[in-house]
């Protein structure tokens, strides 16, 4: 391989090699919600799910105290699957799933769109998450960002990205 071709191949591969573990492009990867908790979005079989992998230091509880099912109120938030059933439409859009909000104990329909520079830890990377009841206009949006530091999952054995 001549020097120019080798340089081009290495330059093309560099963005993937430079990404820390847990960081993906598009919708997939680790995202930090406005409270500071980190959620990992990844494959669950042929669908996409969301799992809480790091609790915010300001989290008021470490268990699912607001769950409407009293028998589930003692389960740990660490590792809790808070989204499931999503279909990845393309690398930056996922929909058709449900989102569970442990702060309220309610479950919503949802959609996700990665925006900005959704690759790596770029300051412009963001995830627009929409939770709603019935149809999307009856809902609320939240913006998540890529974590600025490497994430250490709150429990061993959590799915890797």
Foldseek 3Di string as FASTA:
>chain_A
DDPVVVVVVCVVCVLVVPFDWQFFFAPAGWWAFPLGWIWGWDDDDQFIWIWTFGDRPPDPDQFLCQAPPVVRRRHGSQGDTQKDDWHPPDRFKIFDIKGADSVHNDIFGKMKGWDARRGHQDPRTKIWMWGAHPDRVRTDITIIHHDPDDDDGPDPPRDTD
